C-alpha atoms as a PDB file:
ATOM      1  CA  MET A   1     120.762-101.568  13.420  1.00  0.00           C
ATOM      2  CA  THR A   2     121.746-100.426  16.908  1.00  0.00           C
ATOM      3  CA  ILE A   3     124.085-103.074  18.268  1.00  0.00           C
ATOM      4  CA  ASN A   4     123.956-103.680  22.007  1.00  0.00           C
ATOM      5  CA  ASN A   5     123.390-106.449  24.506  1.00  0.00           C
ATOM      6  CA  LYS A   6     119.641-106.288  23.879  1.00  0.00           C
ATOM      7  CA  THR A   7     119.889-106.870  20.135  1.00  0.00           C
ATOM      8  CA  ARG A   8     117.721-109.689  18.782  1.00  0.00           C
ATOM      9  CA  ALA A   9     118.652-111.083  15.366  1.00  0.00           C
ATOM     10  CA  LEU A  10     117.159-114.583  15.375  1.00  0.00           C
ATOM     11  CA  ARG A  11     114.289-114.749  12.904  1.00  0.00           C
ATOM     12  CA  THR A  12     111.359-117.098  13.324  1.00  0.00           C
ATOM     13  CA  GLY A  13     111.300-120.118  11.049  1.00  0.00           C
ATOM     14  CA  ASN A  14     109.356-120.826   7.886  1.00  0.00           C
ATOM     15  CA  SER A  15     107.040-123.502   6.517  1.00  0.00           C
ATOM     16  CA  LYS A  16     109.989-125.730   5.584  1.00  0.00           C
ATOM     17  CA  LEU A  17     111.934-125.529   8.846  1.00  0.00           C
ATOM     18  CA  GLY A  18     108.973-125.119  11.158  1.00  0.00           C
ATOM     19  CA  LYS A  19     107.644-121.926  12.678  1.00  0.00           C
ATOM     20  CA  ASP A  20     109.295-122.626  16.036  1.00  0.00           C
ATOM     21  CA  VAL A  21     112.807-122.957  14.608  1.00  0.00           C
ATOM     22  CA  PRO A  22     114.694-119.635  14.802  1.00  0.00           C
ATOM     23  CA  VAL A  23     117.191-118.909  12.040  1.00  0.00           C
ATOM     24  CA  PHE A  24     120.312-116.745  11.844  1.00  0.00           C
ATOM     25  CA  ASN A  25     121.305-115.763   8.293  1.00  0.00           C
ATOM     26  CA  LEU A  26     124.164-113.866   6.684  1.00  0.00           C
ATOM     27  CA  GLN A  27     124.942-112.497   3.228  1.00  0.00           C
ATOM     28  CA  PRO A  28     125.442-115.256   0.658  1.00  0.00           C
ATOM     29  CA  MET A  29     128.778-115.319  -1.166  1.00  0.00           C
ATOM     30  CA  ALA A  30     130.169-112.373   0.834  1.00  0.00           C
ATOM     31  CA  THR A  31     130.398-114.578   3.946  1.00  0.00           C
ATOM     32  CA  CYS A  32     131.257-117.820   2.128  1.00  0.00           C
ATOM     33  CA  PRO A  33     135.070-118.115   1.912  1.00  0.00           C
ATOM     34  CA  GLY A  34     134.854-121.783   0.917  1.00  0.00           C
ATOM     35  CA  ARG A  35     132.344-121.333  -1.900  1.00  0.00           C
ATOM     36  CA  THR A  36     132.942-123.475  -4.972  1.00  0.00           C
ATOM     37  CA  LYS A  37     132.707-122.724  -8.684  1.00  0.00           C
ATOM     38  CA  GLY A  38     129.304-124.382  -8.647  1.00  0.00           C
ATOM     39  CA  CYS A  39     127.857-122.068  -6.009  1.00  0.00           C
ATOM     40  CA  ALA A  40     127.375-118.872  -7.982  1.00  0.00           C
ATOM     41  CA  GLY A  41     125.498-117.821 -11.080  1.00  0.00           C
ATOM     42  CA  LYS A  42     121.939-118.241 -12.299  1.00  0.00           C
ATOM     43  CA  SER A  43     122.408-121.995 -12.547  1.00  0.00           C
ATOM     44  CA  GLY A  44     124.469-122.278  -9.359  1.00  0.00           C
ATOM     45  CA  TYR A  45     123.711-124.430  -6.343  1.00  0.00           C
ATOM     46  CA  CYS A  46     123.264-121.488  -3.965  1.00  0.00           C
ATOM     47  CA  TYR A  47     119.493-121.036  -3.639  1.00  0.00           C
ATOM     48  CA  ALA A  48     120.103-117.799  -1.687  1.00  0.00           C
ATOM     49  CA  CYS A  49     121.159-116.218  -4.985  1.00  0.00           C
ATOM     50  CA  HIS A  50     117.774-116.829  -6.597  1.00  0.00           C
ATOM     51  CA  GLY A  51     114.128-115.866  -6.311  1.00  0.00           C
ATOM     52  CA  ASN A  52     112.677-114.380  -3.132  1.00  0.00           C
ATOM     53  CA  TYR A  53     116.063-114.371  -1.419  1.00  0.00           C
ATOM     54  CA  LEU A  54     117.072-111.422  -3.600  1.00  0.00           C
ATOM     55  CA  TYR A  55     114.618-109.003  -1.977  1.00  0.00           C
ATOM     56  CA  PRO A  56     116.466-105.844  -0.823  1.00  0.00           C
ATOM     57  CA  SER A  57     115.004-106.206   2.677  1.00  0.00           C
ATOM     58  CA  HIS A  58     116.715-109.582   3.046  1.00  0.00           C
ATOM     59  CA  MET A  59     120.023-108.124   1.961  1.00  0.00           C
ATOM     60  CA  VAL A  60     119.736-105.362   4.573  1.00  0.00           C
ATOM     61  CA  ASN A  61     118.899-107.850   7.342  1.00  0.00           C
ATOM     62  CA  TRP A  62     121.814-110.099   6.439  1.00  0.00           C
ATOM     63  CA  LYS A  63     124.225-107.171   6.355  1.00  0.00           C
ATOM     64  CA  ASN A  64     122.998-106.059   9.779  1.00  0.00           C
ATOM     65  CA  ASN A  65     123.476-109.593  11.098  1.00  0.00           C
ATOM     66  CA  LYS A  66     127.093-109.550   9.923  1.00  0.00           C
ATOM     67  CA  ALA A  67     127.710-106.314  11.823  1.00  0.00           C
ATOM     68  CA  PHE A  68     126.047-107.835  14.885  1.00  0.00           C
ATOM     69  CA  ALA A  69     128.142-111.017  14.580  1.00  0.00           C
ATOM     70  CA  ASN A  70     131.311-108.909  14.555  1.00  0.00           C
ATOM     71  CA  SER A  71     130.332-106.981  17.681  1.00  0.00           C
ATOM     72  CA  ARG A  72     131.384-107.725  21.248  1.00  0.00           C
ATOM     73  CA  HIS A  73     127.714-108.094  22.169  1.00  0.00           C
ATOM     74  CA  PHE A  74     127.088-111.070  19.904  1.00  0.00           C
ATOM     75  CA  VAL A  75     127.641-113.975  22.307  1.00  0.00           C
ATOM     76  CA  PRO A  76     125.813-112.605  25.400  1.00  0.00           C
ATOM     77  CA  ALA A  77     122.954-111.230  23.289  1.00  0.00           C
ATOM     78  CA  MET A  78     122.540-114.500  21.394  1.00  0.00           C
ATOM     79  CA  VAL A  79     122.671-116.548  24.606  1.00  0.00           C
ATOM     80  CA  ARG A  80     119.887-114.384  26.012  1.00  0.00           C
ATOM     81  CA  ASP A  81     117.847-114.460  22.803  1.00  0.00           C
ATOM     82  CA  ILE A  82     117.985-118.238  22.581  1.00  0.00           C
ATOM     83  CA  ALA A  83     116.845-118.475  26.197  1.00  0.00           C
ATOM     84  CA  ILE A  84     113.743-116.479  25.221  1.00  0.00           C
ATOM     85  CA  HIS A  85     112.993-118.809  22.314  1.00  0.00           C
ATOM     86  CA  LYS A  86     113.659-121.820  24.513  1.00  0.00           C
ATOM     87  CA  SER A  87     111.110-120.675  27.072  1.00  0.00           C
ATOM     88  CA  ARG A  88     108.568-120.128  24.321  1.00  0.00           C
ATOM     89  CA  VAL A  89     108.765-123.657  22.894  1.00  0.00           C
ATOM     90  CA  ALA A  90     109.027-125.191  26.381  1.00  0.00           C
ATOM     91  CA  ARG A  91     105.485-123.988  27.035  1.00  0.00           C
ATOM     92  CA  LYS A  92     104.466-126.305  24.187  1.00  0.00           C
ATOM     93  CA  GLY A  93     106.382-129.189  25.717  1.00  0.00           C
ATOM     94  CA  GLU A  94     109.050-129.065  22.995  1.00  0.00           C
ATOM     95  CA  SER A  95     112.813-128.554  22.870  1.00  0.00           C
ATOM     96  CA  LEU A  96     114.408-125.790  20.834  1.00  0.00           C
ATOM     97  CA  ARG A  97     116.249-126.266  17.546  1.00  0.00           C
ATOM     98  CA  VAL A  98     118.260-123.434  15.985  1.00  0.00           C
ATOM     99  CA  ARG A  99     119.200-123.335  12.294  1.00  0.00           C
ATOM    100  CA  LEU A 100     122.289-121.404  11.274  1.00  0.00           C
ATOM    101  CA  HIS A 101     122.833-120.056   7.783  1.00  0.00           C
ATOM    102  CA  SER A 102     120.013-120.852   5.455  1.00  0.00           C
ATOM    103  CA  THR A 103     122.056-118.154   3.740  1.00  0.00           C
ATOM    104  CA  GLY A 104     125.686-117.363   4.421  1.00  0.00           C
ATOM    105  CA  ASP A 105     128.372-119.388   6.173  1.00  0.00           C
ATOM    106  CA  PHE A 106     131.015-119.458   8.904  1.00  0.00           C
ATOM    107  CA  TYR A 107     133.277-116.743   7.529  1.00  0.00           C
ATOM    108  CA  SER A 108     136.016-116.843  10.189  1.00  0.00           C
ATOM    109  CA  GLN A 109     137.333-118.980  13.043  1.00  0.00           C
ATOM    110  CA  ARG A 110     136.383-116.310  15.551  1.00  0.00           C
ATOM    111  CA  TYR A 111     132.797-116.297  14.331  1.00  0.00           C
ATOM    112  CA  LEU A 112     132.591-120.102  14.462  1.00  0.00           C
ATOM    113  CA  ASN A 113     134.104-120.127  17.951  1.00  0.00           C
ATOM    114  CA  ASN A 114     131.501-117.624  19.115  1.00  0.00           C
ATOM    115  CA  TRP A 115     128.713-119.941  18.007  1.00  0.00           C
ATOM    116  CA  ILE A 116     130.423-122.791  19.842  1.00  0.00           C
ATOM    117  CA  LYS A 117     130.368-120.643  22.980  1.00  0.00           C
ATOM    118  CA  VAL A 118     126.650-120.010  22.485  1.00  0.00           C
ATOM    119  CA  ALA A 119     125.937-123.724  21.978  1.00  0.00           C
ATOM    120  CA  ASN A 120     127.898-124.608  25.117  1.00  0.00           C
ATOM    121  CA  GLU A 121     125.712-122.203  27.093  1.00  0.00           C
ATOM    122  CA  HIS A 122     122.594-124.062  25.906  1.00  0.00           C
ATOM    123  CA  PRO A 123     123.436-127.802  25.920  1.00  0.00           C
ATOM    124  CA  ASP A 124     119.726-128.668  25.758  1.00  0.00           C
ATOM    125  CA  VAL A 125     119.280-126.801  22.463  1.00  0.00           C
ATOM    126  CA  GLN A 126     120.108-128.427  19.110  1.00  0.00           C
ATOM    127  CA  PHE A 127     122.080-126.373  16.577  1.00  0.00           C
ATOM    128  CA  LEU A 128     122.390-127.243  12.886  1.00  0.00           C
ATOM    129  CA  ALA A 129     124.424-125.804  10.002  1.00  0.00           C
ATOM    130  CA  TYR A 130     125.856-126.735   6.628  1.00  0.00           C
ATOM    131  CA  THR A 131     129.184-125.261   5.605  1.00  0.00           C
ATOM    132  CA  ARG A 132     131.749-125.029   2.840  1.00  0.00           C
ATOM    133  CA  SER A 133     134.384-123.445   5.096  1.00  0.00           C
ATOM    134  CA  HIS A 134     136.868-126.312   4.847  1.00  0.00           C
ATOM    135  CA  MET A 135     139.690-124.114   6.181  1.00  0.00           C
ATOM    136  CA  LEU A 136     138.189-123.756   9.681  1.00  0.00           C
ATOM    137  CA  ASP A 137     138.704-125.956  12.746  1.00  0.00           C
ATOM    138  CA  PHE A 138     135.442-127.636  13.790  1.00  0.00           C
ATOM    139  CA  SER A 139     137.037-130.035  16.282  1.00  0.00           C
ATOM    140  CA  SER A 140     135.542-128.262  19.322  1.00  0.00           C
ATOM    141  CA  LEU A 141     131.898-128.670  18.300  1.00  0.00           C
ATOM    142  CA  PRO A 142     129.784-129.817  21.264  1.00  0.00           C
ATOM    143  CA  ASP A 143     127.404-132.765  20.876  1.00  0.00           C
ATOM    144  CA  ASN A 144     124.402-130.476  20.438  1.00  0.00           C
ATOM    145  CA  PHE A 145     125.940-128.723  17.422  1.00  0.00           C
ATOM    146  CA  LYS A 146     125.728-130.599  14.088  1.00  0.00           C
ATOM    147  CA  VAL A 147     127.655-129.236  11.106  1.00  0.00           C
ATOM    148  CA  TYR A 148     127.687-130.960   7.717  1.00  0.00           C
ATOM    149  CA  TYR A 149     130.253-130.198   5.042  1.00  0.00           C
ATOM    150  CA  SER A 150     128.418-129.226   1.877  1.00  0.00           C
ATOM    151  CA  ILE A 151     129.880-130.534  -1.388  1.00  0.00           C
ATOM    152  CA  ASP A 152     129.052-130.588  -5.090  1.00  0.00           C
ATOM    153  CA  ASP A 153     130.732-131.682  -8.327  1.00  0.00           C
ATOM    154  CA  THR A 154     133.093-128.687  -8.211  1.00  0.00           C
ATOM    155  CA  THR A 155     134.336-129.176  -4.626  1.00  0.00           C
ATOM    156  CA  GLU A 156     138.139-129.204  -4.538  1.00  0.00           C
ATOM    157  CA  ALA A 157     139.000-129.078  -0.817  1.00  0.00           C
ATOM    158  CA  MET A 158     137.762-131.203   2.067  1.00  0.00           C
ATOM    159  CA  PRO A 159     137.918-130.300   5.785  1.00  0.00           C
ATOM    160  CA  ILE A 160     140.117-132.123   8.254  1.00  0.00           C
ATOM    161  CA  THR A 161     137.859-131.651  11.289  1.00  0.00           C
ATOM    162  CA  LEU A 162     134.435-132.526   9.805  1.00  0.00           C
ATOM    163  CA  ARG A 163     133.377-136.072   9.030  1.00  0.00           C
ATOM    164  CA  GLN A 164     129.751-135.762   7.977  1.00  0.00           C
ATOM    165  CA  TYR A 165     128.855-134.215   4.660  1.00  0.00           C
ATOM    166  CA  ALA A 166     125.881-133.252   2.539  1.00  0.00           C
ATOM    167  CA  GLU A 167     126.034-133.510  -1.251  1.00  0.00           C
ATOM    168  CA  VAL A 168     123.930-131.965  -3.982  1.00  0.00           C
ATOM    169  CA  VAL A 169     123.251-134.700  -6.552  1.00  0.00           C
ATOM    170  CA  PRO A 170     121.275-134.840  -9.809  1.00  0.00           C
ATOM    171  CA  ALA A 171     117.821-136.332  -9.310  1.00  0.00           C
ATOM    172  CA  ASP A 172     118.579-139.331 -11.552  1.00  0.00           C
ATOM    173  CA  HIS A 173     121.835-140.341  -9.826  1.00  0.00           C
ATOM    174  CA  THR A 174     120.376-142.974  -7.516  1.00  0.00           C
ATOM    175  CA  ALA A 175     123.719-144.710  -6.959  1.00  0.00           C
ATOM    176  CA  ARG A 176     125.205-141.596  -5.378  1.00  0.00           C
ATOM    177  CA  VAL A 177     122.491-141.360  -2.729  1.00  0.00           C
ATOM    178  CA  LYS A 178     122.678-145.007  -1.644  1.00  0.00           C
ATOM    179  CA  GLY A 179     123.281-145.322   2.093  1.00  0.00           C
ATOM    180  CA  ARG A 180     122.558-141.655   2.777  1.00  0.00           C
ATOM    181  CA  HIS A 181     119.632-139.798   4.197  1.00  0.00           C
ATOM    182  CA  ILE A 182     117.777-138.273   1.233  1.00  0.00           C
ATOM    183  CA  CYS A 183     116.383-134.866   2.085  1.00  0.00           C
ATOM    184  CA  GLN A 184     112.710-134.431   1.203  1.00  0.00           C
ATOM    185  CA  SER A 185     112.667-130.702   2.111  1.00  0.00           C
ATOM    186  CA  GLU A 186     110.254-131.345   4.978  1.00  0.00           C
ATOM    187  CA  CYS A 187     112.460-130.345   7.910  1.00  0.00           C
ATOM    188  CA  HIS A 188     109.481-129.556  10.145  1.00  0.00           C
ATOM    189  CA  LYS A 189     108.405-133.210   9.923  1.00  0.00           C
ATOM    190  CA  CYS A 190     111.697-135.053   9.513  1.00  0.00           C
ATOM    191  CA  LYS A 191     114.166-133.445  11.939  1.00  0.00           C
ATOM    192  CA  ALA A 192     116.696-136.194  11.140  1.00  0.00           C
ATOM    193  CA  CYS A 193     119.660-133.926  10.350  1.00  0.00           C
ATOM    194  CA  TRP A 194     119.610-132.454  13.832  1.00  0.00           C
ATOM    195  CA  ALA A 195     120.741-135.637  15.526  1.00  0.00           C
ATOM    196  CA  MET A 196     121.702-138.305  13.024  1.00  0.00           C
ATOM    197  CA  GLY A 197     125.152-139.729  12.331  1.00  0.00           C
ATOM    198  CA  TRP A 198     125.087-140.342   8.578  1.00  0.00           C
ATOM    199  CA  ASN A 199     125.552-138.282   5.441  1.00  0.00           C
ATOM    200  CA  VAL A 200     122.863-136.389   3.551  1.00  0.00           C
ATOM    201  CA  ALA A 201     121.919-136.176  -0.123  1.00  0.00           C
ATOM    202  CA  PHE A 202     120.047-133.186  -1.561  1.00  0.00           C
ATOM    203  CA  ARG A 203     118.491-133.962  -4.943  1.00  0.00           C
ATOM    204  CA  MET A 204     118.601-131.144  -7.466  1.00  0.00           C
ATOM    205  CA  HIS A 205     115.173-129.802  -8.465  1.00  0.00           C
END
């Protein structure tokens, strides 16, 4: 990957997110400093470590994205790239939503701060991410940037600067999902996580 100010790393969405939702992904585990004991392994919660996510081409793309994220071109190139996507959906009379890290996570404060800079440059675009990086400072998130802290039964540390969380729960634990938004894996229809102010429950499949 040649890294310069013209680099484009946002991928178009999928059937779950919606085709007009660009996504920026990174390597799972390698960029997840806050991963829990329950994340890894064949029976782990990390879906990026299973199935189609294991294709070598995905691994190459995610590694290239990490190199891009570490470059000095990342913020200006991403600001420009999002503007292109924004113009595209505007022609349909829609506003842009950007999903960060279907795979991977905020691996450093500098990287998180760079995304905050990008979000501040596009206040009319909605950004969404889930994280396990409890050690980072999320207090400067703008209103258009929603980050949920992702927890499971093996979570040991909680963040100081994040209030909303998303929990993976067994399908039969109805008491644990009471009062939360229950994800139905239909992001392209629901869109609730992008703007809502309550916690989320993901039922295990």
